[in-house]
C-alpha atoms as a PDB file:
ATOM      1  CA  MET A   1     110.819 105.681 125.152  1.00  0.00           C
ATOM      2  CA  VAL A   2     111.757 109.134 123.968  1.00  0.00           C
ATOM      3  CA  GLN A   3     109.236 111.407 125.648  1.00  0.00           C
ATOM      4  CA  PRO A   4     107.695 114.719 123.398  1.00  0.00           C
ATOM      5  CA  SER A   5     109.562 116.991 126.058  1.00  0.00           C
ATOM      6  CA  GLY A   6     112.515 115.466 125.772  1.00  0.00           C
ATOM      7  CA  VAL A   7     112.462 115.851 121.499  1.00  0.00           C
ATOM      8  CA  VAL A   8     111.084 119.528 121.984  1.00  0.00           C
ATOM      9  CA  ALA A   9     114.079 120.012 124.418  1.00  0.00           C
ATOM     10  CA  ALA A  10     116.393 118.317 121.513  1.00  0.00           C
ATOM     11  CA  VAL A  11     115.085 120.859 118.660  1.00  0.00           C
ATOM     12  CA  ARG A  12     115.634 123.617 121.112  1.00  0.00           C
ATOM     13  CA  ASP A  13     119.250 122.247 121.400  1.00  0.00           C
ATOM     14  CA  ILE A  14     119.815 122.252 118.121  1.00  0.00           C
ATOM     15  CA  VAL A  15     118.391 125.959 117.402  1.00  0.00           C
ATOM     16  CA  LYS A  16     120.026 127.214 120.307  1.00  0.00           C
ATOM     17  CA  GLY A  17     123.535 125.947 118.801  1.00  0.00           C
ATOM     18  CA  ALA A  18     122.797 127.552 115.464  1.00  0.00           C
ATOM     19  CA  GLN A  19     121.761 130.682 116.748  1.00  0.00           C
ATOM     20  CA  LEU A  20     125.754 130.705 118.599  1.00  0.00           C
ATOM     21  CA  ALA A  21     127.000 131.116 115.021  1.00  0.00           C
ATOM     22  CA  PRO A  22     129.106 133.590 115.547  1.00  0.00           C
ATOM     23  CA  VAL A  23     130.966 131.983 118.557  1.00  0.00           C
ATOM     24  CA  TRP A  24     131.741 128.429 116.588  1.00  0.00           C
ATOM     25  CA  TRP A  25     132.391 130.289 113.679  1.00  0.00           C
ATOM     26  CA  ARG A  26     135.403 132.034 115.149  1.00  0.00           C
ATOM     27  CA  VAL A  27     136.414 128.972 117.189  1.00  0.00           C
ATOM     28  CA  GLY A  28     136.204 126.986 114.054  1.00  0.00           C
ATOM     29  CA  LEU A  29     138.397 129.253 112.585  1.00  0.00           C
ATOM     30  CA  THR A  30     140.969 129.793 115.010  1.00  0.00           C
ATOM     31  CA  GLN A  31     141.361 125.940 115.782  1.00  0.00           C
ATOM     32  CA  THR A  32     141.462 125.088 112.142  1.00  0.00           C
ATOM     33  CA  PHE A  33     144.428 127.838 111.486  1.00  0.00           C
ATOM     34  CA  SER A  34     146.162 126.983 114.454  1.00  0.00           C
ATOM     35  CA  ARG A  35     146.942 123.635 113.581  1.00  0.00           C
ATOM     36  CA  TYR A  36     148.844 124.811 110.678  1.00  0.00           C
ATOM     37  CA  LYS A  37     150.987 127.568 112.601  1.00  0.00           C
ATOM     38  CA  ARG A  38     154.121 128.257 110.964  1.00  0.00           C
ATOM     39  CA  THR A  39     153.478 126.767 107.848  1.00  0.00           C
ATOM     40  CA  ILE A  40     153.663 128.385 104.429  1.00  0.00           C
ATOM     41  CA  LEU A  41     150.818 126.448 102.894  1.00  0.00           C
ATOM     42  CA  GLY A  42     148.296 126.122 105.928  1.00  0.00           C
ATOM     43  CA  PRO A  43     145.539 124.207 105.335  1.00  0.00           C
ATOM     44  CA  PHE A  44     146.335 123.638 101.669  1.00  0.00           C
ATOM     45  CA  TRP A  45     148.642 120.624 102.802  1.00  0.00           C
ATOM     46  CA  ILE A  46     145.366 119.229 102.990  1.00  0.00           C
ATOM     47  CA  ALA A  47     144.342 120.095  99.586  1.00  0.00           C
ATOM     48  CA  GLY A  48     147.868 118.693  98.531  1.00  0.00           C
ATOM     49  CA  GLY A  49     146.776 115.362  99.646  1.00  0.00           C
ATOM     50  CA  LEU A  50     143.685 115.656  97.739  1.00  0.00           C
ATOM     51  CA  VAL A  51     145.798 116.087  94.146  1.00  0.00           C
ATOM     52  CA  ALA A  52     148.219 113.528  95.136  1.00  0.00           C
ATOM     53  CA  THR A  53     146.103 110.831  95.825  1.00  0.00           C
ATOM     54  CA  ALA A  54     143.584 111.974  93.039  1.00  0.00           C
ATOM     55  CA  VAL A  55     146.642 111.960  90.732  1.00  0.00           C
ATOM     56  CA  ALA A  56     148.050 108.137  91.920  1.00  0.00           C
ATOM     57  CA  LEU A  57     144.475 106.535  91.738  1.00  0.00           C
ATOM     58  CA  THR A  58     143.842 108.034  88.222  1.00  0.00           C
ATOM     59  CA  PHE A  59     146.949 107.055  86.844  1.00  0.00           C
ATOM     60  CA  VAL A  60     147.450 103.649  88.560  1.00  0.00           C
ATOM     61  CA  TYR A  61     143.762 102.153  88.650  1.00  0.00           C
ATOM     62  CA  GLY A  62     143.381 104.336  85.363  1.00  0.00           C
ATOM     63  CA  SER A  63     145.852 102.173  83.445  1.00  0.00           C
ATOM     64  CA  LEU A  64     144.318  99.104  84.753  1.00  0.00           C
ATOM     65  CA  PHE A  65     141.101  99.996  83.302  1.00  0.00           C
ATOM     66  CA  HIS A  66     142.333 101.219  80.190  1.00  0.00           C
ATOM     67  CA  ALA A  67     140.679 104.527  80.835  1.00  0.00           C
ATOM     68  CA  ASP A  68     141.590 107.974  79.672  1.00  0.00           C
ATOM     69  CA  TYR A  69     142.838 110.226  82.458  1.00  0.00           C
ATOM     70  CA  ARG A  70     140.749 113.324  80.793  1.00  0.00           C
ATOM     71  CA  GLN A  71     137.544 111.488  81.881  1.00  0.00           C
ATOM     72  CA  THR A  72     138.698 109.921  84.869  1.00  0.00           C
ATOM     73  CA  PHE A  73     140.819 112.227  86.765  1.00  0.00           C
ATOM     74  CA  PRO A  74     137.823 114.821  87.217  1.00  0.00           C
ATOM     75  CA  ASN A  75     135.699 111.977  88.299  1.00  0.00           C
ATOM     76  CA  VAL A  76     138.207 110.638  90.850  1.00  0.00           C
ATOM     77  CA  MET A  77     138.809 113.941  92.097  1.00  0.00           C
ATOM     78  CA  ALA A  78     135.496 115.121  92.505  1.00  0.00           C
ATOM     79  CA  GLY A  79     134.724 111.943  94.189  1.00  0.00           C
ATOM     80  CA  LEU A  80     137.803 112.306  96.484  1.00  0.00           C
ATOM     81  CA  LEU A  81     136.762 115.648  97.142  1.00  0.00           C
ATOM     82  CA  VAL A  82     133.124 114.655  98.378  1.00  0.00           C
ATOM     83  CA  TRP A  83     134.353 111.601 100.149  1.00  0.00           C
ATOM     84  CA  PHE A  84     137.390 113.143 102.186  1.00  0.00           C
ATOM     85  CA  MET A  85     134.405 115.360 103.461  1.00  0.00           C
ATOM     86  CA  ILE A  86     132.561 112.289 104.670  1.00  0.00           C
ATOM     87  CA  SER A  87     134.984 109.898 106.183  1.00  0.00           C
ATOM     88  CA  SER A  88     136.801 112.897 107.992  1.00  0.00           C
ATOM     89  CA  THR A  89     133.607 114.397 109.686  1.00  0.00           C
ATOM     90  CA  ILE A  90     132.507 110.379 110.351  1.00  0.00           C
ATOM     91  CA  ASN A  91     136.230 109.932 111.742  1.00  0.00           C
ATOM     92  CA  GLU A  92     136.436 112.788 113.511  1.00  0.00           C
ATOM     93  CA  GLY A  93     133.074 113.219 114.704  1.00  0.00           C
ATOM     94  CA  ALA A  94     133.451 110.045 116.665  1.00  0.00           C
ATOM     95  CA  GLN A  95     135.543 112.007 119.387  1.00  0.00           C
ATOM     96  CA  LEU A  96     133.974 115.221 118.970  1.00  0.00           C
ATOM     97  CA  PHE A  97     132.396 115.097 122.591  1.00  0.00           C
ATOM     98  CA  ILE A  98     135.889 113.591 123.829  1.00  0.00           C
ATOM     99  CA  ASN A  99     137.818 116.049 122.344  1.00  0.00           C
ATOM    100  CA  SER A 100     135.318 118.996 123.562  1.00  0.00           C
ATOM    101  CA  ALA A 101     135.385 117.837 127.563  1.00  0.00           C
ATOM    102  CA  GLY A 102     137.535 120.481 128.685  1.00  0.00           C
ATOM    103  CA  MET A 103     135.264 123.050 127.176  1.00  0.00           C
ATOM    104  CA  MET A 104     131.991 121.419 127.951  1.00  0.00           C
ATOM    105  CA  GLN A 105     132.950 121.253 131.638  1.00  0.00           C
ATOM    106  CA  VAL A 106     133.257 125.063 131.674  1.00  0.00           C
ATOM    107  CA  HIS A 107     130.697 126.312 129.320  1.00  0.00           C
ATOM    108  CA  ASN A 108     127.117 126.009 129.528  1.00  0.00           C
ATOM    109  CA  PHE A 109     127.021 126.091 125.617  1.00  0.00           C
ATOM    110  CA  PRO A 110     124.056 123.210 124.162  1.00  0.00           C
ATOM    111  CA  SER A 111     125.513 119.965 123.126  1.00  0.00           C
ATOM    112  CA  SER A 112     124.870 121.000 119.111  1.00  0.00           C
ATOM    113  CA  PHE A 113     127.378 123.800 119.817  1.00  0.00           C
ATOM    114  CA  TYR A 114     130.647 121.013 119.670  1.00  0.00           C
ATOM    115  CA  VAL A 115     128.766 119.559 116.604  1.00  0.00           C
ATOM    116  CA  TYR A 116     128.390 122.648 114.552  1.00  0.00           C
ATOM    117  CA  LEU A 117     131.872 123.406 115.478  1.00  0.00           C
ATOM    118  CA  HIS A 118     133.100 120.147 114.303  1.00  0.00           C
ATOM    119  CA  VAL A 119     130.961 120.244 111.247  1.00  0.00           C
ATOM    120  CA  PHE A 120     132.125 123.539 110.369  1.00  0.00           C
ATOM    121  CA  ARG A 121     135.783 122.662 110.702  1.00  0.00           C
ATOM    122  CA  GLN A 122     135.738 120.402 108.025  1.00  0.00           C
ATOM    123  CA  ALA A 123     133.532 122.780 105.780  1.00  0.00           C
ATOM    124  CA  VAL A 124     136.593 124.875 106.206  1.00  0.00           C
ATOM    125  CA  ASN A 125     138.591 122.052 104.873  1.00  0.00           C
ATOM    126  CA  PHE A 126     136.507 121.218 102.264  1.00  0.00           C
ATOM    127  CA  ALA A 127     136.523 125.083 100.826  1.00  0.00           C
ATOM    128  CA  HIS A 128     140.001 124.944 100.864  1.00  0.00           C
ATOM    129  CA  GLN A 129     140.235 121.581  98.830  1.00  0.00           C
ATOM    130  CA  LEU A 130     137.652 122.792  96.468  1.00  0.00           C
ATOM    131  CA  MET A 131     139.893 125.641  95.689  1.00  0.00           C
ATOM    132  CA  ALA A 132     142.650 123.139  94.916  1.00  0.00           C
ATOM    133  CA  PHE A 133     140.290 120.797  92.702  1.00  0.00           C
ATOM    134  CA  ALA A 134     139.004 124.285  90.670  1.00  0.00           C
ATOM    135  CA  LEU A 135     142.458 125.359  90.192  1.00  0.00           C
ATOM    136  CA  THR A 136     143.949 121.814  89.202  1.00  0.00           C
ATOM    137  CA  LEU A 137     141.664 121.028  86.885  1.00  0.00           C
ATOM    138  CA  LEU A 138     141.514 124.634  85.099  1.00  0.00           C
ATOM    139  CA  LEU A 139     145.618 124.060  84.708  1.00  0.00           C
ATOM    140  CA  MET A 140     145.065 121.069  83.158  1.00  0.00           C
ATOM    141  CA  GLY A 141     142.163 122.373  81.032  1.00  0.00           C
ATOM    142  CA  LEU A 142     139.934 120.120  82.358  1.00  0.00           C
ATOM    143  CA  LEU A 143     137.303 122.329  84.539  1.00  0.00           C
ATOM    144  CA  PRO A 144     133.792 121.820  83.955  1.00  0.00           C
ATOM    145  CA  VAL A 145     130.951 123.765  84.643  1.00  0.00           C
ATOM    146  CA  PRO A 146     129.139 122.906  87.911  1.00  0.00           C
ATOM    147  CA  ASN A 147     125.361 122.728  87.802  1.00  0.00           C
ATOM    148  CA  ILE A 148     123.381 124.749  89.905  1.00  0.00           C
ATOM    149  CA  GLU A 149     122.336 121.323  92.002  1.00  0.00           C
ATOM    150  CA  VAL A 150     125.396 121.263  93.621  1.00  0.00           C
ATOM    151  CA  ILE A 151     124.014 124.013  96.112  1.00  0.00           C
ATOM    152  CA  PRO A 152     120.883 121.470  97.342  1.00  0.00           C
ATOM    153  CA  GLY A 153     123.719 118.387  97.435  1.00  0.00           C
ATOM    154  CA  LEU A 154     125.933 120.205  99.640  1.00  0.00           C
ATOM    155  CA  LEU A 155     123.238 121.210 101.913  1.00  0.00           C
ATOM    156  CA  ILE A 156     122.014 117.664 102.109  1.00  0.00           C
ATOM    157  CA  LEU A 157     125.690 116.631 102.688  1.00  0.00           C
ATOM    158  CA  ILE A 158     126.261 118.999 105.479  1.00  0.00           C
ATOM    159  CA  VAL A 159     122.902 118.412 107.134  1.00  0.00           C
ATOM    160  CA  THR A 160     123.517 114.318 107.108  1.00  0.00           C
ATOM    161  CA  MET A 161     127.175 114.699 108.423  1.00  0.00           C
ATOM    162  CA  PHE A 162     125.747 117.245 111.018  1.00  0.00           C
ATOM    163  CA  PHE A 163     123.645 114.413 112.310  1.00  0.00           C
ATOM    164  CA  VAL A 164     125.821 111.170 111.639  1.00  0.00           C
ATOM    165  CA  SER A 165     128.563 113.530 113.656  1.00  0.00           C
ATOM    166  CA  LEU A 166     125.915 113.831 116.713  1.00  0.00           C
ATOM    167  CA  VAL A 167     124.815 109.744 116.556  1.00  0.00           C
ATOM    168  CA  THR A 168     128.703 108.700 116.568  1.00  0.00           C
ATOM    169  CA  GLY A 169     129.581 111.432 118.977  1.00  0.00           C
ATOM    170  CA  MET A 170     127.275 110.826 121.683  1.00  0.00           C
ATOM    171  CA  ILE A 171     127.768 106.716 121.212  1.00  0.00           C
ATOM    172  CA  SER A 172     131.647 106.978 121.383  1.00  0.00           C
ATOM    173  CA  ALA A 173     131.303 109.306 124.032  1.00  0.00           C
ATOM    174  CA  ARG A 174     129.786 106.385 126.539  1.00  0.00           C
ATOM    175  CA  TYR A 175     131.341 103.534 124.754  1.00  0.00           C
ATOM    176  CA  ARG A 176     135.144 104.548 123.332  1.00  0.00           C
ATOM    177  CA  ASP A 177     135.648 101.202 121.177  1.00  0.00           C
ATOM    178  CA  ILE A 178     133.214 102.731 118.711  1.00  0.00           C
ATOM    179  CA  GLY A 179     135.622 105.338 117.927  1.00  0.00           C
ATOM    180  CA  TYR A 180     137.804 102.394 116.743  1.00  0.00           C
ATOM    181  CA  MET A 181     135.169 100.729 114.937  1.00  0.00           C
ATOM    182  CA  THR A 182     133.896 103.657 112.868  1.00  0.00           C
ATOM    183  CA  SER A 183     137.339 104.116 111.653  1.00  0.00           C
ATOM    184  CA  PHE A 184     137.607 100.297 110.467  1.00  0.00           C
ATOM    185  CA  ALA A 185     134.072 100.879 109.019  1.00  0.00           C
ATOM    186  CA  VAL A 186     134.932 104.372 107.223  1.00  0.00           C
ATOM    187  CA  GLN A 187     138.017 102.330 105.381  1.00  0.00           C
ATOM    188  CA  PHE A 188     135.780  99.638 104.499  1.00  0.00           C
ATOM    189  CA  LEU A 189     133.404 101.864 102.791  1.00  0.00           C
ATOM    190  CA  PHE A 190     135.672 103.469 101.064  1.00  0.00           C
ATOM    191  CA  PHE A 191     136.421 100.388  98.975  1.00  0.00           C
ATOM    192  CA  LEU A 192     132.540 100.067  98.375  1.00  0.00           C
ATOM    193  CA  MET A 193     132.206 103.585  96.949  1.00  0.00           C
ATOM    194  CA  PRO A 194     132.576 104.538  93.491  1.00  0.00           C
ATOM    195  CA  ILE A 195     135.528 106.593  93.470  1.00  0.00           C
ATOM    196  CA  PHE A 196     138.060 105.445  91.879  1.00  0.00           C
ATOM    197  CA  TRP A 197     135.778 102.957  89.497  1.00  0.00           C
ATOM    198  CA  THR A 198     132.409 103.155  88.173  1.00  0.00           C
ATOM    199  CA  ALA A 199     128.887 101.059  89.106  1.00  0.00           C
ATOM    200  CA  GLU A 200     129.092 100.435  84.903  1.00  0.00           C
ATOM    201  CA  GLN A 201     132.282  98.438  85.605  1.00  0.00           C
ATOM    202  CA  LEU A 202     130.367  96.326  87.907  1.00  0.00           C
ATOM    203  CA  GLY A 203     128.084  94.911  85.800  1.00  0.00           C
ATOM    204  CA  ALA A 204     124.014  94.611  86.607  1.00  0.00           C
ATOM    205  CA  ARG A 205     124.578  91.995  88.793  1.00  0.00           C
ATOM    206  CA  ARG A 206     126.726  93.984  91.250  1.00  0.00           C
ATOM    207  CA  ARG A 207     125.366  97.161  90.848  1.00  0.00           C
ATOM    208  CA  ALA A 208     123.573  97.077  93.914  1.00  0.00           C
ATOM    209  CA  ILE A 209     126.662  97.487  95.506  1.00  0.00           C
ATOM    210  CA  VAL A 210     126.395 101.303  94.562  1.00  0.00           C
ATOM    211  CA  ASP A 211     122.496 101.225  94.233  1.00  0.00           C
ATOM    212  CA  LEU A 212     121.935 100.182  97.607  1.00  0.00           C
ATOM    213  CA  ASN A 213     124.462 102.570  99.360  1.00  0.00           C
ATOM    214  CA  PRO A 214     122.911 105.488 100.773  1.00  0.00           C
ATOM    215  CA  PHE A 215     126.242 106.936 101.308  1.00  0.00           C
ATOM    216  CA  ALA A 216     127.696 106.390  97.667  1.00  0.00           C
ATOM    217  CA  GLN A 217     124.280 108.344  96.685  1.00  0.00           C
ATOM    218  CA  LEU A 218     125.229 110.744  99.046  1.00  0.00           C
ATOM    219  CA  LEU A 219     128.810 111.338  97.078  1.00  0.00           C
ATOM    220  CA  GLU A 220     126.917 111.812  93.948  1.00  0.00           C
ATOM    221  CA  VAL A 221     124.716 114.181  94.662  1.00  0.00           C
ATOM    222  CA  VAL A 222     127.576 116.553  95.139  1.00  0.00           C
ATOM    223  CA  ARG A 223     130.053 115.019  92.452  1.00  0.00           C
ATOM    224  CA  GLN A 224     127.845 114.850  90.002  1.00  0.00           C
ATOM    225  CA  PRO A 225     126.452 118.673  89.643  1.00  0.00           C
ATOM    226  CA  LEU A 226     130.252 119.419  90.323  1.00  0.00           C
ATOM    227  CA  LEU A 227     131.529 117.938  86.781  1.00  0.00           C
ATOM    228  CA  GLY A 228     128.376 119.514  85.327  1.00  0.00           C
ATOM    229  CA  HIS A 229     125.980 116.579  85.080  1.00  0.00           C
ATOM    230  CA  THR A 230     122.615 116.169  86.937  1.00  0.00           C
ATOM    231  CA  VAL A 231     121.729 113.880  89.745  1.00  0.00           C
ATOM    232  CA  THR A 232     119.272 111.064  89.231  1.00  0.00           C
ATOM    233  CA  LEU A 233     115.884 110.846  91.154  1.00  0.00           C
ATOM    234  CA  HIS A 234     117.221 107.686  93.026  1.00  0.00           C
ATOM    235  CA  GLN A 235     120.453 109.883  93.898  1.00  0.00           C
ATOM    236  CA  TRP A 236     118.193 112.744  95.590  1.00  0.00           C
ATOM    237  CA  MET A 237     115.674 109.975  97.162  1.00  0.00           C
ATOM    238  CA  SER A 238     118.510 107.794  98.762  1.00  0.00           C
ATOM    239  CA  SER A 239     120.148 110.984  99.884  1.00  0.00           C
ATOM    240  CA  LEU A 240     117.126 112.102 101.604  1.00  0.00           C
ATOM    241  CA  GLY A 241     116.358 109.141 102.799  1.00  0.00           C
ATOM    242  CA  LEU A 242     119.730 108.813 104.655  1.00  0.00           C
ATOM    243  CA  MET A 243     119.658 112.779 105.757  1.00  0.00           C
ATOM    244  CA  ALA A 244     116.159 111.813 107.359  1.00  0.00           C
ATOM    245  CA  VAL A 245     117.060 108.558 109.259  1.00  0.00           C
ATOM    246  CA  SER A 246     120.217 110.121 110.517  1.00  0.00           C
ATOM    247  CA  ALA A 247     118.103 112.922 112.084  1.00  0.00           C
ATOM    248  CA  VAL A 248     115.275 111.039 113.304  1.00  0.00           C
ATOM    249  CA  ILE A 249     118.546 109.090 115.356  1.00  0.00           C
ATOM    250  CA  GLY A 250     120.308 111.813 116.163  1.00  0.00           C
ATOM    251  CA  ILE A 251     117.142 113.631 117.660  1.00  0.00           C
ATOM    252  CA  SER A 252     116.246 110.637 119.684  1.00  0.00           C
ATOM    253  CA  LEU A 253     119.787 109.909 121.125  1.00  0.00           C
ATOM    254  CA  LEU A 254     119.490 113.875 122.009  1.00  0.00           C
ATOM    255  CA  ALA A 255     116.671 114.074 123.664  1.00  0.00           C
ATOM    256  CA  ALA A 256     116.913 110.886 125.536  1.00  0.00           C
ATOM    257  CA  PHE A 257     120.651 111.616 126.769  1.00  0.00           C
ATOM    258  CA  ARG A 258     121.719 115.018 125.983  1.00  0.00           C
ATOM    259  CA  ARG A 259     122.160 115.850 129.717  1.00  0.00           C
ATOM    260  CA  ARG A 260     124.184 112.725 130.571  1.00  0.00           C
ATOM    261  CA  ILE A 261     126.885 113.597 127.863  1.00  0.00           C
ATOM    262  CA  VAL A 262     129.131 115.550 130.018  1.00  0.00           C
ATOM    263  CA  PHE A 263     129.056 112.677 132.793  1.00  0.00           C
ATOM    264  CA  TRP A 264     130.510 110.385 130.085  1.00  0.00           C
ATOM    265  CA  LEU A 265     133.567 112.283 129.641  1.00  0.00           C
END
């Protein structure tokens, strides 16, 4: 059973990690751009992958569903934009403490510092992909006017990914098989996400695949405002529920095992 004092210590760990923002901000930028050293496009190579995947899915599956690309392409591209943020954060989050072993054994940073660093790197990649999203749709004359709801949607996405990464990172540090299982789970989840298809195409009976999938709702609270649409109450509630559950689990694990992480590496 998690003791109240442990929960307080876990919350303090998260607060102290946030207070080190100038450190993980600088380290995150350095690590991100060092990966693309001596390249011309740098992180925009990731953005190029987004555009290429969106084009392929739109014109291959769009032709199968006889859909108009002017409606399908923005929807697919916005969906992939958010999905890449979710999938990469979860996949790499499973290795965040393992990859930070050297730094953890030298510096006395709070455990949450490494989660902030990880999520910030993913946010930098997301920002580059967002620019590619806007530029591509602008050149095609398909750029929508975003809804103001995109701001709380992004906030929910980032907070949820923070705690999901904390959970998967801690469990994977103890049980290394979790990292491989996470990769398989994310690949499977991709085909359950309404990215290159819509919930309406499933029909009433199979629509539960989307309605009961909290990650699908999390995707929509960012995608719909990006496309200029409003977010439904169900999408807000499902996304907030996922954020709350992941926060409770993450804080509980941090309260119980935060002092053991370094010994698992």
